[in-house]
Amino acid sequence: MGRKKTSILLIFIITLAVIATTILWRGEHILNTLNPLKIKNIDLIHLPENRLRLKLKVTTNRKCKTFIKYWAKNSRDTLYTGISEGTKEHTLWVTNALANTNYTFKVVAFNSSQTAFSRNHPLETQPIYQATPYFSLEYMNKKFSKEMKGKFFLTQILTEPGSAVIIDHKGNIVWYEAFKKGVKVSHWTPDRTVLCIVGSEKIPSSGGDEIVELDLSGKVLTHLQRGKGEMDKMVHHEVRTDENGNIYALTFEKKVFDLSAAGGAKRDTVHGDGIVVFSRKGKKIWQWSVLDHLNPLDDKEILKHKKDWVHANSVFKEKDGNFLISYRDLNQIWKIDYKTGRVIWKLGEKGNFQLNKDDLFSSQHFAHINRKGELMILDNGSKKQITRAMAFKVDTITHTAVTTLNVPLLKDYYTSAKGNAELFNGDKILFCVTDPRALLITDKKGRVLWKVQVGGDPYRIEEIANFLSYNPISNVQGH
């Protein structure tokens, strides 16, 4: 009897829900007839601090969703902004545009059963003048050009004033954010935000005293500053987000040791590197220091090296929760246990894995797990003066590391410091080579398919996903 009553109650609740939905749907249809959806006012605001970012204030007669579609003169490509919803007073942002270009835009307002359009309006962007260098497309293989269409890349300028910059496949700047300080490294997060380390040129080793995260509209979402809250050390070389939305970076560490046996002082300070994890609100969650895991007296030249010992230049959190950290001066990649802090293994010169002589790397950067699940690096190649991309399949059971990728560049593209390499479209390599100030895509034989020359000092480049906003409703096609 109890089950029968429960079933009857469930049917009654479902019926009420269907009736309520129908009433709301019919109610909106009736409202659309009595008071059709309209776009009442549009204000276009040019922002003097950013020539490619445009703000539009849109007023509608009823609460609804709105977006903007826009297109450049003589272009077949229609672009879209994000959506504003749940209000009559809308703020919309154009965040993907070329400088000094004439566009046409149209506002679209819609609800579940009605769509309203504004008339076409002109929109003109101005030349860029703030903290952005030139990016010049010097070469693109004709057969490769179709594969590049719709690709976007994030890079940065280290010098002051600095900037985070997004370019398209032709090397055109489509988004930027200028800073008074240098942008030491930047990262595109899964949340479609740009995360940066910012610092003056006086701070060495790609270091900074601020971590800044902003969305494409320029709104600052996270701002951590040394000396405020729990950020008690400067950060350098790397800043990323993990699977929990926390921020991690490399830190400058120091510790007092007795170096008298090496000719130093009884209380001598050694400077090294560490890892820190912060919440988005700036709470310190975890930290680690290399100075707790190495004995400086094992280095015969510690007095020479003590101001920047072993020099970490990248950190990457794996899916298993542990960290990969790259040590340039050791020519090694370490894996660090997140729970205990212990060093699980070392890959490279004098490491835990047997490597052929040709597979040894030197002064490497950007150790990460690529899309194939392999450990990938940029081998700067200071010992051979040849820069290359490399990847390894690491087997911790058999203690073997098999080289799965070895893509050397021509000597003209040798880069002694900085830079990175990552997979592009699965079978190609995206490079940032900083000595020649070039951004490259090559095939697996190192043949250049795409080259952009940079008029500034970049640190890294990364392909970014989900930069474009897409048409949110199917019945509103291109212009």
Protein backbone atom coordinates (compact mmCIF):
# COMPACT_ATOMS: atom_id res chain seq x y z
CA MET A 1 0.00 0.00 0.00
CA GLY A 2 2.90 2.36 0.89
CA ARG A 3 4.58 1.81 -2.50
CA LYS A 4 1.29 2.58 -4.31
CA LYS A 5 0.96 5.91 -2.44
CA THR A 6 4.58 6.81 -3.27
CA SER A 7 4.02 6.06 -6.97
CA ILE A 8 0.86 8.19 -7.03
CA LEU A 9 2.71 11.07 -5.31
CA LEU A 10 5.59 10.84 -7.80
CA ILE A 11 3.20 10.92 -10.77
CA PHE A 12 1.46 13.93 -9.24
CA ILE A 13 4.77 15.83 -8.79
CA ILE A 14 5.87 15.09 -12.38
CA THR A 15 2.47 16.22 -13.69
CA LEU A 16 2.73 19.50 -11.75
CA ALA A 17 6.24 20.08 -13.14
CA VAL A 18 5.05 19.51 -16.72
CA ILE A 19 2.09 21.86 -16.20
CA ALA A 20 4.34 24.56 -14.69
CA THR A 21 6.82 24.29 -17.58
CA THR A 22 4.00 24.52 -20.10
CA ILE A 23 2.54 27.58 -18.37
CA LEU A 24 5.94 29.30 -18.34
CA TRP A 25 6.54 28.46 -22.00
CA ARG A 26 3.09 29.65 -23.05
CA GLY A 27 3.47 32.67 -20.78
CA GLU A 28 6.67 33.68 -22.55
CA HIS A 29 4.97 33.24 -25.92
CA ILE A 30 2.12 35.47 -24.76
CA LEU A 31 4.60 38.04 -23.41
CA ASN A 32 6.49 37.96 -26.73
CA THR A 33 3.24 38.84 -28.47
CA LEU A 34 2.19 41.59 -26.05
CA ASN A 35 5.68 43.01 -25.48
CA PRO A 36 8.08 41.80 -28.19
CA LEU A 37 11.76 41.56 -27.32
CA LYS A 38 13.58 44.74 -28.33
CA ILE A 39 17.06 46.20 -28.20
CA LYS A 40 16.54 49.70 -26.83
CA ASN A 41 20.05 51.16 -26.68
CA ILE A 42 23.68 50.38 -27.61
CA ASP A 43 26.74 52.25 -26.33
CA LEU A 44 30.14 51.42 -27.82
CA ILE A 45 33.00 52.34 -25.48
CA HIS A 46 36.59 52.56 -26.73
CA LEU A 47 39.06 51.92 -23.91
CA PRO A 48 42.20 54.09 -24.20
CA GLU A 49 44.27 51.61 -22.17
CA ASN A 50 43.70 48.80 -24.67
CA ARG A 51 43.21 49.35 -28.40
CA LEU A 52 41.85 45.86 -29.15
CA ARG A 53 39.37 45.56 -26.27
CA LEU A 54 35.96 47.13 -26.85
CA LYS A 55 33.12 47.41 -24.34
CA LEU A 56 29.46 47.56 -25.35
CA LYS A 57 26.60 48.47 -23.05
CA VAL A 58 23.30 47.08 -24.37
CA THR A 59 19.83 47.76 -22.95
CA THR A 60 16.86 45.52 -23.77
CA ASN A 61 13.22 45.97 -22.83
CA ARG A 62 13.09 42.60 -21.05
CA LYS A 63 15.47 40.23 -19.32
CA CYS A 64 17.08 38.00 -21.94
CA LYS A 65 20.37 36.80 -23.36
CA THR A 66 22.50 38.92 -25.69
CA PHE A 67 25.67 38.61 -27.72
CA ILE A 68 27.43 40.42 -30.55
CA LYS A 69 28.36 39.09 -33.97
CA TYR A 70 30.94 41.09 -35.88
CA TRP A 71 33.07 40.82 -39.00
CA ALA A 72 35.91 42.66 -40.68
CA LYS A 73 35.41 44.48 -43.94
CA ASN A 74 35.70 42.11 -46.93
CA SER A 75 35.96 39.08 -44.62
CA ARG A 76 33.75 35.99 -44.75
CA ASP A 77 34.54 35.07 -41.16
CA THR A 78 31.96 36.00 -38.51
CA LEU A 79 33.19 36.44 -34.93
CA TYR A 80 31.14 36.31 -31.73
CA THR A 81 31.39 37.66 -28.20
CA GLY A 82 30.41 35.76 -25.10
CA ILE A 83 26.83 35.87 -23.78
CA SER A 84 25.27 38.24 -21.25
CA GLU A 85 22.12 36.86 -19.62
CA GLY A 86 19.50 37.34 -16.90
CA THR A 87 19.31 41.12 -17.12
CA LYS A 88 18.04 44.07 -19.15
CA GLU A 89 21.36 45.95 -18.76
CA HIS A 90 24.04 43.98 -20.59
CA THR A 91 27.82 44.42 -20.79
CA LEU A 92 29.50 42.71 -23.73
CA TRP A 93 33.17 42.59 -24.67
CA VAL A 94 34.92 42.33 -28.01
CA THR A 95 38.16 40.54 -27.10
CA ASN A 96 39.35 39.20 -30.44
CA ALA A 97 40.20 41.87 -32.99
CA LEU A 98 42.96 43.14 -35.26
CA ALA A 99 44.43 46.62 -34.88
CA ASN A 100 43.54 49.41 -37.27
CA THR A 101 40.66 47.44 -38.82
CA ASN A 102 37.11 48.32 -39.85
CA TYR A 103 34.45 45.94 -38.53
CA THR A 104 30.67 45.81 -38.66
CA PHE A 105 28.73 44.52 -35.65
CA LYS A 106 25.17 43.55 -34.83
CA VAL A 107 23.63 42.89 -31.40
CA VAL A 108 21.48 39.77 -31.03
CA ALA A 109 19.00 39.42 -28.15
CA PHE A 110 17.09 36.19 -27.57
CA ASN A 111 15.04 34.05 -25.23
CA SER A 112 13.65 30.55 -25.65
CA SER A 113 11.17 31.56 -28.37
CA GLN A 114 12.12 34.94 -29.82
CA THR A 115 15.15 36.65 -31.33
CA ALA A 116 15.72 40.37 -31.89
CA PHE A 117 18.46 42.05 -33.94
CA SER A 118 19.93 45.51 -33.98
CA ARG A 119 20.85 47.20 -37.23
CA ASN A 120 24.44 46.98 -38.43
CA HIS A 121 26.85 49.36 -36.71
CA PRO A 122 30.44 50.35 -37.60
CA LEU A 123 33.32 49.45 -35.29
CA GLU A 124 36.90 50.57 -35.87
CA THR A 125 39.98 49.52 -33.94
CA GLN A 126 43.01 51.75 -33.53
CA PRO A 127 46.75 51.06 -33.96
CA ILE A 128 48.40 49.44 -30.93
CA TYR A 129 51.08 51.40 -29.17
CA GLN A 130 51.40 49.91 -25.67
CA ALA A 131 54.13 47.45 -24.72
CA THR A 132 53.65 45.17 -27.69
CA PRO A 133 56.46 44.29 -30.10
CA TYR A 134 56.02 43.42 -33.72
CA PHE A 135 55.28 39.85 -34.76
CA SER A 136 56.21 39.21 -38.37
CA LEU A 137 55.12 36.10 -40.28
CA GLU A 138 58.24 35.27 -42.24
CA TYR A 139 57.24 31.92 -43.65
CA MET A 140 54.30 29.54 -43.85
CA ASN A 141 54.35 26.39 -45.96
CA LYS A 142 51.48 26.60 -48.46
CA LYS A 143 50.36 23.01 -47.82
CA PHE A 144 50.39 23.71 -44.09
CA SER A 145 48.35 26.95 -44.21
CA LYS A 146 44.93 25.23 -44.06
CA GLU A 147 45.99 23.35 -40.94
CA MET A 148 46.92 26.64 -39.28
CA LYS A 149 43.66 28.49 -39.87
CA GLY A 150 41.83 29.15 -36.62
CA LYS A 151 44.93 28.55 -34.45
CA PHE A 152 45.91 30.98 -31.69
CA PHE A 153 49.01 31.24 -29.52
CA LEU A 154 49.87 32.88 -26.20
CA THR A 155 53.29 34.38 -25.62
CA GLN A 156 54.76 37.22 -23.58
CA ILE A 157 57.39 39.97 -23.44
CA LEU A 158 59.84 39.80 -20.53
CA THR A 159 61.22 43.33 -20.70
CA GLU A 160 59.67 46.48 -19.23
CA PRO A 161 57.04 47.47 -20.08
CA GLY A 162 55.87 43.90 -20.65
CA SER A 163 52.80 42.27 -22.07
CA ALA A 164 50.92 39.02 -22.48
CA VAL A 165 50.02 38.61 -26.14
CA ILE A 166 47.76 36.32 -28.17
CA ILE A 167 48.54 36.05 -31.88
CA ASP A 168 46.74 34.31 -34.73
CA HIS A 169 48.24 31.97 -37.32
CA LYS A 170 49.42 34.96 -39.39
CA GLY A 171 51.32 36.47 -36.48
CA ASN A 172 48.72 39.21 -35.98
CA ILE A 173 48.08 40.37 -32.43
CA VAL A 174 44.41 39.71 -31.61
CA TRP A 175 44.55 40.25 -27.82
CA TYR A 176 47.02 41.73 -25.38
CA GLU A 177 47.39 43.01 -21.85
CA ALA A 178 50.10 45.56 -21.12
CA PHE A 179 51.97 45.74 -17.79
CA LYS A 180 54.41 48.30 -16.41
CA LYS A 181 56.61 45.40 -15.31
CA GLY A 182 57.83 42.53 -17.45
CA VAL A 183 55.69 39.44 -18.00
CA LYS A 184 58.15 36.67 -17.14
CA VAL A 185 55.93 33.76 -18.20
CA SER A 186 52.26 33.29 -19.05
CA HIS A 187 49.84 30.36 -19.18
CA TRP A 188 46.40 29.81 -20.72
CA THR A 189 44.23 28.07 -18.12
CA PRO A 190 41.30 25.67 -18.69
CA ASP A 191 39.05 28.52 -17.47
CA ARG A 192 39.96 30.68 -20.52
CA THR A 193 42.05 33.01 -18.39
CA VAL A 194 45.62 34.25 -18.71
CA LEU A 195 47.91 33.57 -15.73
CA CYS A 196 51.21 35.48 -15.46
CA ILE A 197 54.28 36.04 -13.34
CA VAL A 198 54.99 39.77 -13.37
CA GLY A 199 58.17 41.45 -12.16
CA SER A 200 60.74 44.14 -12.86
CA GLU A 201 63.75 43.49 -15.06
CA LYS A 202 65.95 43.72 -11.96
CA ILE A 203 64.58 40.39 -10.71
CA PRO A 204 66.79 37.67 -12.24
CA SER A 205 65.98 34.21 -13.55
CA SER A 206 62.60 35.05 -15.07
CA GLY A 207 61.47 36.00 -11.58
CA GLY A 208 58.64 38.17 -10.36
CA ASP A 209 56.95 39.43 -7.22
CA GLU A 210 53.36 39.16 -8.49
CA ILE A 211 51.05 36.47 -9.83
CA VAL A 212 48.23 37.95 -11.90
CA GLU A 213 45.27 36.13 -13.47
CA LEU A 214 42.87 37.98 -15.73
CA ASP A 215 40.04 37.13 -18.07
CA LEU A 216 39.82 38.25 -21.69
CA SER A 217 37.95 41.42 -20.71
CA GLY A 218 40.96 42.45 -18.62
CA LYS A 219 39.27 41.84 -15.28
CA VAL A 220 41.80 40.77 -12.65
CA LEU A 221 40.56 37.54 -11.05
CA THR A 222 43.60 36.69 -8.93
CA HIS A 223 46.37 38.98 -7.73
CA LEU A 224 49.01 37.61 -5.37
CA GLN A 225 51.83 39.90 -4.27
CA ARG A 226 55.00 39.14 -2.37
CA GLY A 227 54.77 40.53 1.13
CA LYS A 228 50.99 40.44 1.17
CA GLY A 229 49.06 37.52 2.64
CA GLU A 230 50.89 34.20 2.47
CA MET A 231 53.07 34.93 -0.58
CA ASP A 232 56.37 35.36 1.26
CA LYS A 233 58.77 34.54 -1.60
CA MET A 234 59.29 35.61 -5.16
CA VAL A 235 58.30 33.18 -7.91
CA HIS A 236 59.98 32.44 -11.22
CA HIS A 237 59.93 30.62 -14.55
CA GLU A 238 56.57 28.86 -14.17
CA VAL A 239 52.99 29.44 -13.06
CA ARG A 240 50.12 27.04 -13.81
CA THR A 241 46.86 25.72 -12.37
CA ASP A 242 46.22 22.17 -11.19
CA GLU A 243 43.18 19.91 -11.35
CA ASN A 244 41.76 21.51 -8.19
CA GLY A 245 42.01 25.03 -9.55
CA ASN A 246 44.97 25.89 -7.33
CA ILE A 247 47.98 27.83 -8.61
CA TYR A 248 51.50 26.44 -8.47
CA ALA A 249 54.84 28.04 -9.28
CA LEU A 250 58.58 27.82 -8.73
CA THR A 251 60.02 29.81 -5.82
CA PHE A 252 63.40 31.22 -4.83
CA GLU A 253 64.63 29.43 -1.69
CA LYS A 254 67.58 30.00 0.62
CA LYS A 255 69.09 28.07 3.52
CA VAL A 256 72.10 28.44 5.81
CA PHE A 257 74.78 25.72 5.58
CA ASP A 258 78.22 25.19 7.03
CA LEU A 259 80.46 25.59 3.96
CA SER A 260 83.75 25.89 5.85
CA ALA A 261 84.90 22.51 4.48
CA ALA A 262 84.68 24.05 0.98
CA GLY A 263 86.42 27.27 2.00
CA GLY A 264 83.24 29.14 2.86
CA ALA A 265 81.78 30.44 6.08
CA LYS A 266 80.44 28.44 9.02
CA ARG A 267 77.08 30.05 8.33
CA ASP A 268 76.87 30.50 4.59
CA THR A 269 73.68 31.05 2.59
CA VAL A 270 72.90 28.88 -0.40
CA HIS A 271 70.18 29.98 -2.84
CA GLY A 272 68.12 27.33 -4.62
CA ASP A 273 64.61 26.68 -5.83
CA GLY A 274 61.33 25.27 -4.60
CA ILE A 275 57.70 24.69 -5.46
CA VAL A 276 54.68 26.42 -3.93
CA VAL A 277 50.94 25.78 -4.27
CA PHE A 278 48.43 28.55 -3.55
CA SER A 279 44.65 28.63 -3.57
CA ARG A 280 43.13 31.27 -5.87
CA LYS A 281 42.59 33.36 -2.70
CA GLY A 282 46.29 33.24 -1.87
CA LYS A 283 46.32 30.62 0.90
CA LYS A 284 49.55 28.60 0.84
CA ILE A 285 48.64 24.92 0.56
CA TRP A 286 52.00 23.20 0.01
CA GLN A 287 55.67 23.99 -0.43
CA TRP A 288 58.90 22.15 -1.16
CA SER A 289 62.59 23.10 -1.35
CA VAL A 290 65.47 21.45 -3.20
CA LEU A 291 67.74 22.60 -0.36
CA ASP A 292 66.20 19.90 1.84
CA HIS A 293 67.24 17.18 -0.63
CA LEU A 294 70.81 18.03 -1.73
CA ASN A 295 74.07 18.46 0.18
CA PRO A 296 75.91 21.53 -1.13
CA LEU A 297 79.26 20.06 -0.10
CA ASP A 298 78.77 17.44 -2.83
CA ASP A 299 79.32 20.29 -5.31
CA LYS A 300 83.06 21.00 -5.55
CA GLU A 301 82.30 24.49 -6.86
CA ILE A 302 79.55 25.37 -4.39
CA LEU A 303 81.12 28.74 -3.55
CA LYS A 304 80.83 29.67 -7.23
CA HIS A 305 77.27 28.31 -7.54
CA LYS A 306 75.76 29.20 -4.16
CA LYS A 307 73.86 32.27 -5.39
CA ASP A 308 71.87 30.21 -7.92
CA TRP A 309 72.43 26.55 -7.19
CA VAL A 310 71.20 23.97 -9.77
CA HIS A 311 68.70 26.47 -11.30
CA ALA A 312 65.17 25.11 -11.72
CA ASN A 313 63.34 26.44 -14.78
CA SER A 314 60.02 24.56 -15.03
CA VAL A 315 57.55 22.64 -12.91
CA PHE A 316 54.62 20.53 -14.08
CA LYS A 317 52.02 18.64 -12.06
CA GLU A 318 51.20 15.19 -13.46
CA LYS A 319 47.83 13.43 -13.34
CA ASP A 320 49.08 11.28 -10.46
CA GLY A 321 49.44 14.47 -8.38
CA ASN A 322 53.24 14.48 -8.36
CA PHE A 323 55.54 17.15 -9.80
CA LEU A 324 58.13 17.17 -12.57
CA ILE A 325 60.83 19.80 -12.05
CA SER A 326 63.60 20.70 -14.51
CA TYR A 327 67.10 21.53 -13.23
CA ARG A 328 69.09 23.26 -15.94
CA ASP A 329 72.52 23.09 -14.30
CA LEU A 330 72.17 19.40 -13.42
CA ASN A 331 70.86 18.47 -16.89
CA GLN A 332 68.17 16.52 -15.05
CA ILE A 333 64.40 16.20 -14.65
CA TRP A 334 63.20 15.17 -11.18
CA LYS A 335 59.90 13.65 -10.14
CA ILE A 336 58.73 14.82 -6.69
CA ASP A 337 56.20 12.97 -4.53
CA TYR A 338 53.48 15.47 -3.61
CA LYS A 339 52.49 13.67 -0.40
CA THR A 340 55.94 13.14 1.09
CA GLY A 341 58.20 15.55 -0.79
CA ARG A 342 60.72 12.81 -1.53
CA VAL A 343 62.53 12.64 -4.85
CA ILE A 344 61.07 9.62 -6.69
CA TRP A 345 63.53 9.58 -9.59
CA LYS A 346 65.93 11.64 -11.70
CA LEU A 347 66.13 11.53 -15.49
CA GLY A 348 69.19 12.76 -17.36
CA GLU A 349 72.90 13.05 -16.73
CA LYS A 350 73.87 10.87 -13.72
CA GLY A 351 70.19 10.05 -13.22
CA ASN A 352 68.32 6.83 -12.41
CA PHE A 353 67.66 5.80 -16.01
CA GLN A 354 70.12 4.47 -18.55
CA LEU A 355 70.25 6.76 -21.59
CA ASN A 356 72.30 6.53 -24.75
CA LYS A 357 74.93 9.24 -25.14
CA ASP A 358 72.91 10.91 -27.92
CA ASP A 359 69.82 10.96 -25.71
CA LEU A 360 71.45 13.00 -22.94
CA PHE A 361 70.22 16.59 -22.84
CA SER A 362 71.72 19.80 -21.49
CA SER A 363 70.32 23.10 -20.14
CA GLN A 364 66.80 21.85 -20.92
CA HIS A 365 63.52 23.75 -20.41
CA PHE A 366 59.77 23.08 -20.10
CA ALA A 367 59.60 19.50 -18.87
CA HIS A 368 55.98 18.40 -19.18
CA ILE A 369 53.75 15.47 -20.08
CA ASN A 370 52.58 15.86 -23.66
CA ARG A 371 49.27 14.77 -25.20
CA LYS A 372 50.68 11.31 -25.85
CA GLY A 373 51.50 10.82 -22.18
CA GLU A 374 55.26 11.16 -22.73
CA LEU A 375 57.75 13.34 -20.89
CA MET A 376 58.69 16.11 -23.31
CA ILE A 377 61.36 18.83 -23.09
CA LEU A 378 63.15 21.49 -25.05
CA ASP A 379 66.78 20.37 -25.04
CA ASN A 380 68.58 23.71 -25.35
CA GLY A 381 71.69 21.69 -26.10
CA SER A 382 74.36 23.90 -24.55
CA LYS A 383 76.95 21.12 -24.78
CA LYS A 384 76.47 20.48 -28.51
CA GLN A 385 75.13 23.91 -29.51
CA ILE A 386 72.11 22.21 -31.11
CA THR A 387 68.58 22.84 -29.83
CA ARG A 388 66.00 20.08 -30.20
CA ALA A 389 62.66 18.78 -28.99
CA MET A 390 62.79 15.47 -27.15
CA ALA A 391 60.26 13.10 -25.59
CA PHE A 392 60.71 10.00 -23.45
CA LYS A 393 58.56 7.07 -22.43
CA VAL A 394 59.56 6.50 -18.81
CA ASP A 395 59.09 3.04 -17.28
CA THR A 396 59.61 3.18 -13.52
CA ILE A 397 59.29 -0.59 -13.14
CA THR A 398 62.14 -1.53 -15.49
CA HIS A 399 63.95 1.78 -14.90
CA THR A 400 64.18 2.49 -18.59
CA ALA A 401 63.53 5.65 -20.55
CA VAL A 402 62.98 5.19 -24.27
CA THR A 403 63.45 8.22 -26.51
CA THR A 404 60.29 8.57 -28.62
CA LEU A 405 61.00 11.98 -30.16
CA ASN A 406 64.21 13.67 -31.25
CA VAL A 407 63.72 16.73 -33.47
CA PRO A 408 66.87 18.84 -33.90
CA LEU A 409 66.73 22.37 -35.28
CA LEU A 410 69.24 23.98 -37.61
CA LYS A 411 72.17 25.70 -35.89
CA ASP A 412 70.63 29.07 -36.80
CA TYR A 413 67.90 28.34 -34.26
CA TYR A 414 70.17 27.36 -31.37
CA THR A 415 68.91 28.96 -28.15
CA SER A 416 71.19 28.93 -25.13
CA ALA A 417 68.49 29.78 -22.57
CA LYS A 418 64.74 30.01 -22.13
CA GLY A 419 62.29 28.70 -24.73
CA ASN A 420 60.05 25.64 -25.01
CA ALA A 421 58.81 22.90 -27.30
CA GLU A 422 55.40 21.18 -27.34
CA LEU A 423 53.45 18.93 -29.66
CA PHE A 424 51.29 20.59 -32.29
CA ASN A 425 48.44 18.69 -33.96
CA GLY A 426 50.01 15.42 -32.81
CA ASP A 427 52.72 15.12 -35.47
CA LYS A 428 54.46 18.52 -35.42
CA ILE A 429 56.41 20.61 -32.93
CA LEU A 430 55.78 24.16 -31.73
CA PHE A 431 58.97 25.92 -30.63
CA CYS A 432 59.90 29.18 -28.95
CA VAL A 433 63.61 29.82 -29.54
CA THR A 434 64.62 32.96 -27.71
CA ASP A 435 68.17 33.72 -28.88
CA PRO A 436 67.00 34.10 -32.52
CA ARG A 437 63.67 35.48 -31.21
CA ALA A 438 61.58 33.17 -33.35
CA LEU A 439 58.41 31.13 -32.98
CA LEU A 440 58.46 27.99 -35.12
CA ILE A 441 56.40 24.98 -36.11
CA THR A 442 58.32 22.10 -37.66
CA ASP A 443 57.66 18.57 -38.79
CA LYS A 444 59.34 15.67 -37.00
CA LYS A 445 62.42 16.06 -39.18
CA GLY A 446 62.90 19.64 -38.03
CA ARG A 447 61.81 21.22 -41.32
CA VAL A 448 60.26 24.63 -40.65
CA LEU A 449 56.61 24.93 -41.71
CA TRP A 450 55.80 28.22 -39.95
CA LYS A 451 58.00 30.99 -38.64
CA VAL A 452 57.13 34.22 -36.84
CA GLN A 453 59.90 36.66 -35.97
CA VAL A 454 59.45 38.52 -32.68
CA GLY A 455 60.60 42.08 -32.07
CA GLY A 456 60.88 41.57 -28.32
CA ASP A 457 62.17 39.09 -25.78
CA PRO A 458 59.75 36.15 -25.38
CA TYR A 459 60.08 33.30 -22.89
CA ARG A 460 57.58 30.71 -24.11
CA ILE A 461 54.77 30.06 -26.59
CA GLU A 462 51.75 27.80 -26.20
CA GLU A 463 48.84 26.96 -28.44
CA ILE A 464 45.59 27.93 -26.76
CA ALA A 465 42.25 26.13 -26.97
CA ASN A 466 38.76 27.65 -26.74
CA PHE A 467 39.90 31.20 -27.45
CA LEU A 468 37.04 31.83 -29.87
CA SER A 469 33.45 32.30 -28.77
CA TYR A 470 31.02 30.49 -31.05
CA ASN A 471 27.54 31.19 -32.37
CA PRO A 472 25.23 30.35 -29.43
CA ILE A 473 22.01 29.91 -31.46
CA SER A 474 21.71 27.96 -34.68
CA ASN A 475 19.15 30.23 -36.34
CA VAL A 476 21.59 33.15 -36.34
CA GLN A 477 24.06 32.39 -39.08
CA GLY A 478 27.01 34.40 -40.37
CA HIS A 479 26.67 37.90 -41.78
